[in-house]
Amino acid sequence: MKTDKNASSPLQPTTNESPATTAQQQLDRIVAQIHEIADRDRTDPLALLQLLRTLEQIHREIQEGYFQSALPDSRQSLYALLRDIEENGGWPYIQRWKLQELFANLLDGET
């Protein structure tokens, strides 16, 4: 399949919009598509189960592959992240032991 080297990446802005705005707009479109799929398959439990499995897999990949490696490694950065979560909501599902491990690592790094 031939690709256009000038085509922008799906996560890169195609206009003068900020990357954060464009990323949120892309997420909004993806969410709308997921809702359309769920609505289309509302009477098909197997299709809905597959959708849920796919979403769970994506969640796991992002959590384990990106989110964990992006977690703060200092108390100040962790405080800023937790403050943002408190102010804006959106706490993702994070296994408790992973948070305990993060806190233990922060304490070890300060001694």
Protein backbone atom coordinates (compact mmCIF):
# COMPACT_ATOMS: atom_id res chain seq x y z
CA MET A 1 0.00 0.00 0.00
CA LYS A 2 1.38 3.37 -0.99
CA THR A 3 1.58 6.04 1.70
CA ASP A 4 1.72 9.79 1.33
CA LYS A 5 4.83 11.08 3.10
CA ASN A 6 3.20 14.50 3.34
CA ALA A 7 0.14 13.18 5.14
CA SER A 8 0.06 14.16 8.79
CA SER A 9 0.01 11.67 11.61
CA PRO A 10 -3.42 11.16 13.19
CA LEU A 11 -2.14 12.75 16.40
CA GLN A 12 -0.45 15.73 14.77
CA PRO A 13 -2.38 18.93 14.13
CA THR A 14 -3.32 19.62 10.54
CA THR A 15 -4.08 23.29 11.16
CA ASN A 16 -2.73 26.02 13.41
CA GLU A 17 -4.54 24.50 16.39
CA SER A 18 -2.55 23.51 19.45
CA PRO A 19 -1.65 19.80 19.69
CA ALA A 20 -3.67 19.43 22.90
CA THR A 21 -6.81 20.85 21.30
CA THR A 22 -6.40 18.68 18.26
CA ALA A 23 -5.75 15.57 20.36
CA GLN A 24 -8.91 16.26 22.38
CA GLN A 25 -10.90 16.78 19.20
CA GLN A 26 -9.57 13.49 17.85
CA LEU A 27 -10.52 11.74 21.08
CA ASP A 28 -13.99 13.27 20.90
CA ARG A 29 -14.41 11.90 17.36
CA ILE A 30 -13.19 8.47 18.45
CA VAL A 31 -15.60 8.46 21.40
CA ALA A 32 -18.45 9.41 19.07
CA GLN A 33 -17.51 6.52 16.76
CA ILE A 34 -17.40 4.09 19.69
CA HIS A 35 -20.87 5.26 20.73
CA GLU A 36 -22.11 4.74 17.17
CA ILE A 37 -20.73 1.20 17.16
CA ALA A 38 -22.30 0.45 20.55
CA ASP A 39 -25.62 1.92 19.41
CA ARG A 40 -25.52 -0.07 16.18
CA ASP A 41 -24.80 -3.28 18.09
CA ARG A 42 -27.06 -2.55 21.06
CA THR A 43 -28.92 -5.85 20.69
CA ASP A 44 -25.87 -8.01 19.94
CA PRO A 45 -24.23 -9.00 23.24
CA LEU A 46 -21.32 -10.72 21.49
CA ALA A 47 -20.48 -7.63 19.47
CA LEU A 48 -20.76 -5.44 22.58
CA LEU A 49 -18.56 -7.85 24.50
CA GLN A 50 -15.96 -7.64 21.74
CA LEU A 51 -16.13 -3.85 21.89
CA LEU A 52 -15.59 -3.92 25.65
CA ARG A 53 -12.69 -6.35 25.30
CA THR A 54 -11.09 -4.12 22.70
CA LEU A 55 -11.48 -1.03 24.88
CA GLU A 56 -10.05 -2.89 27.85
CA GLN A 57 -7.05 -4.00 25.79
CA ILE A 58 -6.42 -0.45 24.60
CA HIS A 59 -6.71 0.77 28.19
CA ARG A 60 -4.19 -1.83 29.36
CA GLU A 61 -1.75 -1.00 26.56
CA ILE A 62 -1.87 2.72 27.32
CA GLN A 63 -1.63 2.16 31.08
CA GLU A 64 1.28 -0.27 30.92
CA GLY A 65 3.05 1.10 27.88
CA TYR A 66 2.75 4.85 28.21
CA PHE A 67 1.12 6.02 31.42
CA GLN A 68 3.33 4.10 33.83
CA SER A 69 6.52 5.26 32.16
CA ALA A 70 5.23 8.84 32.20
CA LEU A 71 4.45 8.86 35.93
CA PRO A 72 6.36 11.46 37.92
CA ASP A 73 9.57 10.56 39.68
CA SER A 74 9.54 13.39 42.21
CA ARG A 75 7.15 14.48 44.93
CA GLN A 76 6.58 17.88 43.33
CA SER A 77 5.68 16.36 39.98
CA LEU A 78 3.48 13.77 41.64
CA TYR A 79 1.73 16.51 43.62
CA ALA A 80 1.08 18.45 40.39
CA LEU A 81 -0.36 15.35 38.73
CA LEU A 82 -2.59 14.50 41.70
CA ARG A 83 -3.72 18.12 41.94
CA ASP A 84 -4.70 18.10 38.26
CA ILE A 85 -6.60 14.85 38.76
CA GLU A 86 -8.41 16.30 41.77
CA GLU A 87 -9.31 19.54 39.98
CA ASN A 88 -10.23 18.07 36.60
CA GLY A 89 -11.35 14.55 37.44
CA GLY A 90 -10.63 11.75 35.07
CA TRP A 91 -8.69 9.44 37.36
CA PRO A 92 -7.92 6.41 35.22
CA TYR A 93 -8.16 2.95 36.66
CA ILE A 94 -4.76 2.29 38.19
CA GLN A 95 -4.18 -0.83 40.22
CA ARG A 96 -3.60 0.09 43.84
CA TRP A 97 -0.37 -1.87 44.13
CA LYS A 98 1.10 0.16 41.29
CA LEU A 99 0.44 3.39 43.18
CA GLN A 100 1.92 1.89 46.34
CA GLU A 101 4.98 0.89 44.32
CA LEU A 102 5.29 4.44 42.97
CA PHE A 103 5.10 5.92 46.47
CA ALA A 104 7.65 3.42 47.77
CA ASN A 105 10.03 4.34 44.94
CA LEU A 106 9.61 8.04 45.69
CA LEU A 107 10.42 7.47 49.36
CA ASP A 108 13.46 5.34 48.49
CA GLY A 109 14.75 8.02 46.14
CA GLU A 110 14.69 10.70 48.82
CA THR A 111 16.74 8.85 51.42
